[in-house]
């Protein structure tokens, strides 16, 4: 298609097209490398955090590592397990999720221990607690509760909408610290096959027991000011990730439409100023509107993530389309029509392919699968 026109161009005009293409490709390459690296690091950091959270000896980044239990010979060992019935609410924007689950306690010895009586869901609120079963006998002691709880969780939104999360319930006995009671995770813990979360799939489950230190004396006059308390904490986890790219395309559908609208301006003669510049200008406002729409799905945060990366790629593509239209209009006024035709067709393919590559590589690096 470009053969005769390309052959007829002067050498300096060919170099102009080549340099414009090279500069555009280099800029896109730098942007893709930066955002792809950021998404890779975010994904790795998220996985490392999840591994550390469910390790009995490791601490999450930014958290106090688990401290050893204090020496004691008077504590009771209690086996604790959970069975998640459902997750009725999961709101990334509101930084919370709620669930209904069963929790049970098995122990030997003192029948009056009552480990579930002072049960505490750390970082959460128990909306309802119902004792369903309890018995004490020669085979030991047993309690089973059904809990309805709202859990506060500050989700990592850097890879939304292609992210994975770990939903955790942290259980302690608020009355007895580790010198009196220590939990052991029950391998019988499980998740109901009925448990569904819209837009996500269940990818795993686990549980662990870790020491949890409170650096306070709770204002007690009977304890030193620098007193520390270590409690035995049971942690149950549900691992989830996005089902597929469906929500991703749904979120950015209008942005992609705006990009196509901007790219179509390369097919319009620069002499037709109104449509040539009107299309990318309209596309720019559409892309900005999409950015506001997507941001409304997330909590207020100063972090820069996948949503911002894809939005910036779209806005940059529209901006490049406008800049290159100005270049084409300049040479059209100088009556260099063959150069303008070649320039527009080449830049349509260069910008379009660069944008496409960016929208493949960056989400792929962010995807948790």
Protein backbone atom coordinates (compact mmCIF):
# COMPACT_ATOMS: atom_id res chain seq x y z
CA UNK A 1 0.00 0.00 0.00
CA UNK A 2 2.86 2.38 0.78
CA UNK A 3 5.29 1.12 -1.90
CA UNK A 4 4.95 3.79 -4.61
CA UNK A 5 4.47 6.66 -2.17
CA UNK A 6 7.34 5.49 0.04
CA UNK A 7 9.67 5.11 -2.93
CA UNK A 8 8.79 8.60 -4.08
CA UNK A 9 9.66 10.25 -0.75
CA UNK A 10 12.85 12.21 -0.35
CA UNK A 11 15.48 10.72 1.96
CA UNK A 12 14.91 13.34 4.66
CA UNK A 13 11.18 12.62 4.64
CA UNK A 14 11.83 8.89 5.03
CA UNK A 15 14.09 9.67 7.97
CA UNK A 16 11.34 11.81 9.49
CA UNK A 17 8.90 8.89 9.40
CA UNK A 18 11.57 6.52 10.74
CA UNK A 19 12.59 8.84 13.61
CA UNK A 20 8.98 9.54 14.60
CA UNK A 21 8.25 5.81 14.66
CA UNK A 22 11.41 5.02 16.63
CA UNK A 23 10.79 7.73 19.23
CA UNK A 24 7.19 6.56 19.68
CA UNK A 25 8.28 2.92 20.09
CA UNK A 26 11.01 3.85 22.58
CA UNK A 27 8.61 5.91 24.71
CA UNK A 28 6.08 3.08 24.78
CA UNK A 29 8.85 0.57 25.56
CA UNK A 30 9.97 2.61 28.58
CA UNK A 31 6.40 2.97 29.82
CA UNK A 32 5.69 -0.73 29.36
CA UNK A 33 8.92 -1.75 31.11
CA UNK A 34 8.21 0.55 34.07
CA UNK A 35 4.60 -0.53 34.61
CA UNK A 36 5.25 -4.22 33.89
CA UNK A 37 8.10 -4.25 36.43
CA UNK A 38 5.86 -2.54 38.96
CA UNK A 39 3.12 -5.13 38.45
CA UNK A 40 5.61 -8.01 38.74
CA UNK A 41 6.95 -6.59 41.99
CA UNK A 42 3.44 -6.06 43.34
CA UNK A 43 2.44 -9.64 42.52
CA UNK A 44 5.60 -11.05 44.11
CA UNK A 45 5.16 -8.87 47.19
CA UNK A 46 1.55 -10.01 47.58
CA UNK A 47 2.50 -13.68 47.35
CA UNK A 48 5.36 -13.23 49.83
CA UNK A 49 3.02 -11.48 52.25
CA UNK A 50 0.48 -14.31 52.04
CA UNK A 51 3.17 -16.93 52.64
CA UNK A 52 4.53 -15.03 55.64
CA UNK A 53 1.06 -14.52 57.08
CA UNK A 54 0.38 -18.25 57.17
CA UNK A 55 3.84 -19.22 58.40
CA UNK A 56 4.10 -20.02 62.14
CA UNK A 57 7.55 -18.40 62.32
CA UNK A 58 7.54 -15.55 59.78
CA UNK A 59 6.13 -12.06 60.19
CA UNK A 60 4.50 -10.02 57.46
CA UNK A 61 6.49 -7.05 56.10
CA UNK A 62 5.95 -4.09 58.41
CA UNK A 63 4.63 -6.28 61.26
CA UNK A 64 6.35 -7.43 64.41
CA UNK A 65 7.71 -10.96 63.87
CA UNK A 66 6.14 -13.67 66.07
CA UNK A 67 7.83 -13.72 69.46
CA UNK A 68 8.41 -17.00 71.32
CA UNK A 69 5.87 -17.95 73.93
CA UNK A 70 6.92 -17.14 77.50
CA UNK A 71 8.00 -20.07 79.64
CA UNK A 72 5.03 -21.62 81.39
CA UNK A 73 3.94 -25.06 82.56
CA UNK A 74 0.35 -24.22 83.47
CA UNK A 75 -1.17 -23.64 80.04
CA UNK A 76 -3.88 -25.78 78.45
CA UNK A 77 -3.58 -26.88 74.82
CA UNK A 78 -6.79 -26.37 72.84
CA UNK A 79 -7.33 -27.67 69.33
CA UNK A 80 -9.32 -25.15 67.28
CA UNK A 81 -10.77 -25.40 63.78
CA UNK A 82 -13.14 -23.55 61.47
CA UNK A 83 -15.62 -24.30 58.73
CA UNK A 84 -16.59 -21.34 56.49
CA UNK A 85 -20.22 -21.50 55.44
CA UNK A 86 -20.34 -18.38 53.25
CA UNK A 87 -18.96 -14.94 52.51
CA UNK A 88 -22.02 -12.75 52.21
CA UNK A 89 -20.26 -9.42 51.61
CA UNK A 90 -16.88 -8.54 50.13
CA UNK A 91 -16.28 -4.84 49.50
CA UNK A 92 -12.84 -3.73 48.35
CA UNK A 93 -13.94 -0.10 48.32
CA UNK A 94 -15.18 -0.24 51.94
CA UNK A 95 -12.19 -2.34 53.12
CA UNK A 96 -14.32 -5.05 54.70
CA UNK A 97 -15.85 -8.47 54.26
CA UNK A 98 -18.32 -10.47 56.32
CA UNK A 99 -18.75 -14.17 56.80
CA UNK A 100 -20.63 -16.87 58.65
CA UNK A 101 -18.50 -19.70 59.95
CA UNK A 102 -18.34 -22.46 62.54
CA UNK A 103 -15.54 -22.65 65.09
CA UNK A 104 -14.92 -25.50 67.52
CA UNK A 105 -12.63 -26.18 70.45
CA UNK A 106 -11.31 -29.51 71.72
CA UNK A 107 -9.33 -29.81 74.95
CA UNK A 108 -8.61 -32.11 77.85
CA UNK A 109 -8.58 -31.21 81.49
CA UNK A 110 -10.56 -28.47 83.15
CA UNK A 111 -14.15 -28.60 81.89
CA UNK A 112 -14.69 -25.02 83.09
CA UNK A 113 -12.00 -23.58 80.80
CA UNK A 114 -14.60 -22.26 78.31
CA UNK A 115 -12.22 -21.18 75.50
CA UNK A 116 -15.09 -19.99 73.31
CA UNK A 117 -16.75 -17.89 75.98
CA UNK A 118 -14.25 -15.04 75.61
CA UNK A 119 -13.64 -15.58 71.91
CA UNK A 120 -12.30 -12.50 70.11
CA UNK A 121 -12.19 -11.94 66.34
CA UNK A 122 -9.19 -9.64 65.89
CA UNK A 123 -9.74 -6.80 63.38
CA UNK A 124 -13.39 -7.69 63.28
CA UNK A 125 -16.75 -7.40 64.94
CA UNK A 126 -18.83 -10.38 66.00
CA UNK A 127 -22.40 -9.64 64.96
CA UNK A 128 -23.77 -12.90 66.36
CA UNK A 129 -22.31 -15.78 68.34
CA UNK A 130 -24.34 -18.90 68.99
CA UNK A 131 -23.21 -21.91 71.02
CA UNK A 132 -24.53 -24.90 69.07
CA UNK A 133 -22.98 -27.83 70.89
CA UNK A 134 -21.04 -28.48 74.08
CA UNK A 135 -20.14 -31.57 76.03
CA UNK A 136 -17.64 -32.68 78.64
CA UNK A 137 -16.67 -36.27 79.26
CA UNK A 138 -13.96 -38.84 79.53
CA UNK A 139 -12.93 -38.28 75.89
CA UNK A 140 -12.35 -34.57 76.52
CA UNK A 141 -14.24 -31.31 76.21
CA UNK A 142 -15.86 -29.83 73.14
CA UNK A 143 -17.55 -26.58 72.09
CA UNK A 144 -18.96 -25.58 68.71
CA UNK A 145 -20.10 -22.06 67.85
CA UNK A 146 -21.62 -20.44 64.80
CA UNK A 147 -20.22 -16.95 64.27
CA UNK A 148 -21.41 -14.12 62.08
CA UNK A 149 -18.64 -11.53 61.81
CA UNK A 150 -17.62 -8.42 59.91
CA UNK A 151 -13.89 -8.29 59.20
CA UNK A 152 -11.87 -5.16 58.47
CA UNK A 153 -9.35 -5.73 55.70
CA UNK A 154 -7.29 -3.18 53.82
CA UNK A 155 -7.10 -4.84 50.43
CA UNK A 156 -4.06 -4.53 48.19
CA UNK A 157 -5.57 -2.67 45.22
CA UNK A 158 -2.37 -2.32 43.18
CA UNK A 159 -3.46 -5.09 40.75
CA UNK A 160 -7.23 -4.59 40.68
CA UNK A 161 -9.03 -5.92 38.64
CA UNK A 162 -6.68 -8.88 38.09
CA UNK A 163 -5.62 -9.41 41.69
CA UNK A 164 -5.72 -12.15 44.26
CA UNK A 165 -6.49 -11.81 47.97
CA UNK A 166 -6.28 -13.77 51.16
CA UNK A 167 -9.29 -13.44 53.47
CA UNK A 168 -8.32 -14.12 57.07
CA UNK A 169 -10.13 -14.64 60.34
CA UNK A 170 -7.96 -14.11 63.44
CA UNK A 171 -9.26 -15.79 66.60
CA UNK A 172 -7.97 -15.36 70.16
CA UNK A 173 -9.19 -15.87 73.69
CA UNK A 174 -9.47 -12.38 75.11
CA UNK A 175 -9.19 -13.52 78.72
CA UNK A 176 -6.31 -16.01 78.74
CA UNK A 177 -2.89 -15.25 77.29
CA UNK A 178 -0.35 -17.86 76.17
CA UNK A 179 0.75 -18.64 79.72
CA UNK A 180 -2.74 -20.11 80.30
CA UNK A 181 -4.00 -21.22 76.89
CA UNK A 182 -2.37 -22.16 73.59
CA UNK A 183 -4.14 -23.10 70.40
CA UNK A 184 -3.32 -25.91 67.99
CA UNK A 185 -4.74 -25.78 64.45
CA UNK A 186 -7.17 -28.56 63.59
CA UNK A 187 -6.49 -30.11 60.18
CA UNK A 188 -10.22 -30.85 59.88
CA UNK A 189 -10.85 -27.17 59.10
CA UNK A 190 -12.50 -26.66 55.75
CA UNK A 191 -14.59 -24.46 53.44
CA UNK A 192 -18.12 -25.22 52.29
CA UNK A 193 -18.50 -26.18 48.63
CA UNK A 194 -21.41 -23.71 48.57
CA UNK A 195 -19.12 -20.79 49.35
CA UNK A 196 -19.12 -18.45 46.36
CA UNK A 197 -17.81 -14.92 45.91
CA UNK A 198 -19.01 -12.97 42.90
CA UNK A 199 -16.19 -12.40 40.42
CA UNK A 200 -13.70 -14.56 42.31
CA UNK A 201 -12.74 -18.21 42.50
CA UNK A 202 -11.52 -20.06 45.59
CA UNK A 203 -7.90 -21.08 45.06
CA UNK A 204 -6.91 -22.43 48.47
CA UNK A 205 -7.41 -22.66 52.21
CA UNK A 206 -5.09 -22.99 55.19
CA UNK A 207 -4.86 -22.40 58.92
CA UNK A 208 -2.06 -21.78 61.38
CA UNK A 209 -1.44 -20.77 64.99
CA UNK A 210 1.01 -17.94 65.77
CA UNK A 211 1.98 -15.94 68.85
CA UNK A 212 0.49 -12.45 68.83
CA UNK A 213 2.15 -9.76 70.95
CA UNK A 214 0.35 -6.76 72.44
CA UNK A 215 2.79 -4.03 73.49
CA UNK A 216 0.68 -2.58 76.27
CA UNK A 217 -0.29 -3.12 79.89
CA UNK A 218 -3.87 -1.97 79.07
CA UNK A 219 -3.53 0.71 81.76
CA UNK A 220 -3.47 -1.86 84.55
CA UNK A 221 -1.91 -0.50 87.77
CA UNK A 222 -0.79 -4.04 88.61
CA UNK A 223 1.48 -4.34 85.57
CA UNK A 224 4.72 -2.51 84.63
CA UNK A 225 4.42 0.29 82.08
CA UNK A 226 6.49 -1.66 79.55
CA UNK A 227 4.50 -4.85 80.02
CA UNK A 228 3.86 -7.06 76.98
CA UNK A 229 1.26 -9.78 76.55
CA UNK A 230 1.55 -12.68 74.12
CA UNK A 231 -1.62 -14.46 73.08
CA UNK A 232 -2.07 -17.61 71.04
CA UNK A 233 -3.77 -16.64 67.80
CA UNK A 234 -5.50 -18.99 65.39
CA UNK A 235 -5.57 -17.78 61.76
CA UNK A 236 -7.85 -19.26 59.10
CA UNK A 237 -7.41 -18.25 55.45
CA UNK A 238 -9.45 -18.33 52.26
CA UNK A 239 -7.41 -17.63 49.12
CA UNK A 240 -9.25 -16.08 46.18
CA UNK A 241 -8.40 -14.70 42.76
CA UNK A 242 -10.29 -13.19 39.83
CA UNK A 243 -12.12 -15.75 37.69
CA UNK A 244 -10.91 -14.38 34.33
CA UNK A 245 -10.36 -11.18 32.35
CA UNK A 246 -14.09 -10.50 32.05
CA UNK A 247 -14.27 -7.85 34.77
CA UNK A 248 -11.05 -6.28 33.47
CA UNK A 249 -12.52 -5.73 29.98
CA UNK A 250 -15.80 -4.58 31.47
CA UNK A 251 -14.03 -1.93 33.55
CA UNK A 252 -11.96 -0.58 30.65
CA UNK A 253 -14.45 -1.04 27.81
CA UNK A 254 -15.13 2.67 27.36
CA UNK A 255 -11.40 3.46 27.57
CA UNK A 256 -10.61 1.00 24.78
CA UNK A 257 -13.42 2.51 22.70
CA UNK A 258 -11.91 5.97 23.27
CA UNK A 259 -8.49 4.72 22.12
CA UNK A 260 -9.97 3.29 18.91
CA UNK A 261 -11.74 6.60 18.31
CA UNK A 262 -8.46 8.48 18.69
CA UNK A 263 -6.59 6.10 16.37
CA UNK A 264 -9.27 6.50 13.70
CA UNK A 265 -8.23 10.14 13.37
CA UNK A 266 -5.14 8.97 11.42
CA UNK A 267 -7.52 7.96 8.63
CA UNK A 268 -8.81 11.53 8.21
CA UNK A 269 -7.11 14.06 5.95
CA UNK A 270 -5.34 16.76 8.04
CA UNK A 271 -7.10 19.34 5.88
CA UNK A 272 -10.35 18.35 7.61
CA UNK A 273 -9.31 20.04 10.83
CA UNK A 274 -12.57 19.64 12.75
CA UNK A 275 -12.93 15.84 12.57
CA UNK A 276 -9.15 15.23 12.59
CA UNK A 277 -8.72 16.92 15.97
CA UNK A 278 -12.28 16.50 17.20
CA UNK A 279 -12.09 12.69 17.41
CA UNK A 280 -9.04 12.46 19.75
CA UNK A 281 -10.31 15.40 21.78
CA UNK A 282 -13.64 13.65 22.35
CA UNK A 283 -11.76 10.43 23.07
CA UNK A 284 -9.68 12.22 25.71
CA UNK A 285 -12.76 13.29 27.66
CA UNK A 286 -14.17 9.75 27.36
CA UNK A 287 -10.92 8.32 28.76
CA UNK A 288 -10.97 10.78 31.66
CA UNK A 289 -14.57 9.84 32.45
CA UNK A 290 -13.58 6.17 32.46
CA UNK A 291 -10.73 6.94 34.87
CA UNK A 292 -13.16 8.56 37.31
CA UNK A 293 -15.54 5.61 36.97
CA UNK A 294 -12.83 3.05 37.69
CA UNK A 295 -11.45 5.05 40.60
CA UNK A 296 -14.90 5.05 42.19
CA UNK A 297 -14.61 1.27 42.61
CA UNK A 298 -11.54 1.59 44.83
CA UNK A 299 -10.89 3.07 48.27
CA UNK A 300 -9.11 6.41 48.52
CA UNK A 301 -5.40 5.67 48.23
CA UNK A 302 -2.20 7.35 47.13
CA UNK A 303 -0.84 4.14 45.62
CA UNK A 304 -0.38 3.73 41.86
CA UNK A 305 -1.66 0.47 40.45
CA UNK A 306 -2.87 -1.41 37.40
CA UNK A 307 -5.98 0.74 37.00
CA UNK A 308 -3.85 3.89 36.89
CA UNK A 309 -1.31 2.27 34.53
CA UNK A 310 -3.90 1.24 31.94
CA UNK A 311 -5.65 4.61 32.20
CA UNK A 312 -2.36 6.43 31.70
CA UNK A 313 -1.53 4.27 28.66
CA UNK A 314 -4.90 5.22 27.17
CA UNK A 315 -4.48 8.94 27.86
CA UNK A 316 -0.94 8.87 26.51
CA UNK A 317 -2.10 7.15 23.31
CA UNK A 318 -4.74 9.81 22.77
CA UNK A 319 -2.16 12.54 23.46
CA UNK A 320 0.26 10.99 20.95
CA UNK A 321 -2.53 10.89 18.36
CA UNK A 322 -3.08 14.63 18.82
CA UNK A 323 0.65 15.44 18.65
CA UNK A 324 1.14 13.38 15.49
CA UNK A 325 -1.94 15.02 13.95
CA UNK A 326 -0.26 18.40 14.51
CA UNK A 327 2.86 17.12 12.75
CA UNK A 328 0.77 15.82 9.83
CA UNK A 329 -1.11 19.12 9.60
CA UNK A 330 2.17 21.04 9.48
CA UNK A 331 3.51 19.08 6.50
CA UNK A 332 0.12 19.17 4.80
CA UNK A 333 0.25 22.97 4.86
CA UNK A 334 3.63 22.69 3.14
CA UNK A 335 1.90 20.73 0.38
CA UNK A 336 3.80 17.50 1.09
CA UNK A 337 0.80 15.23 0.66
CA UNK A 338 2.70 12.01 -0.07
CA UNK A 339 4.63 12.39 3.18
CA UNK A 340 1.41 13.01 5.10
CA UNK A 341 -0.26 9.87 3.71
CA UNK A 342 2.76 7.70 4.51
CA UNK A 343 3.22 9.32 7.91
CA UNK A 344 -0.40 8.78 8.94
CA UNK A 345 -0.52 5.14 7.85
CA UNK A 346 2.78 4.24 9.48
CA UNK A 347 1.96 5.99 12.74
CA UNK A 348 -1.49 4.37 12.84
CA UNK A 349 0.19 0.96 12.88
CA UNK A 350 3.02 2.00 15.21
CA UNK A 351 0.82 3.66 17.83
CA UNK A 352 -1.91 1.03 17.55
CA UNK A 353 0.48 -1.91 17.94
CA UNK A 354 2.41 -0.25 20.79
CA UNK A 355 -0.83 0.40 22.65
CA UNK A 356 -1.98 -3.17 22.04
CA UNK A 357 1.32 -4.61 23.30
CA UNK A 358 1.11 -2.42 26.41
CA UNK A 359 -2.42 -3.65 27.12
CA UNK A 360 -1.27 -7.27 26.83
CA UNK A 361 2.04 -7.24 28.72
CA UNK A 362 1.09 -5.07 31.70
CA UNK A 363 -2.13 -6.97 32.62
CA UNK A 364 -0.31 -10.28 32.05
CA UNK A 365 2.36 -9.25 34.55
CA UNK A 366 -0.32 -8.25 37.05
CA UNK A 367 -2.49 -11.35 36.67
CA UNK A 368 -2.36 -13.60 39.72
CA UNK A 369 -2.91 -16.80 37.72
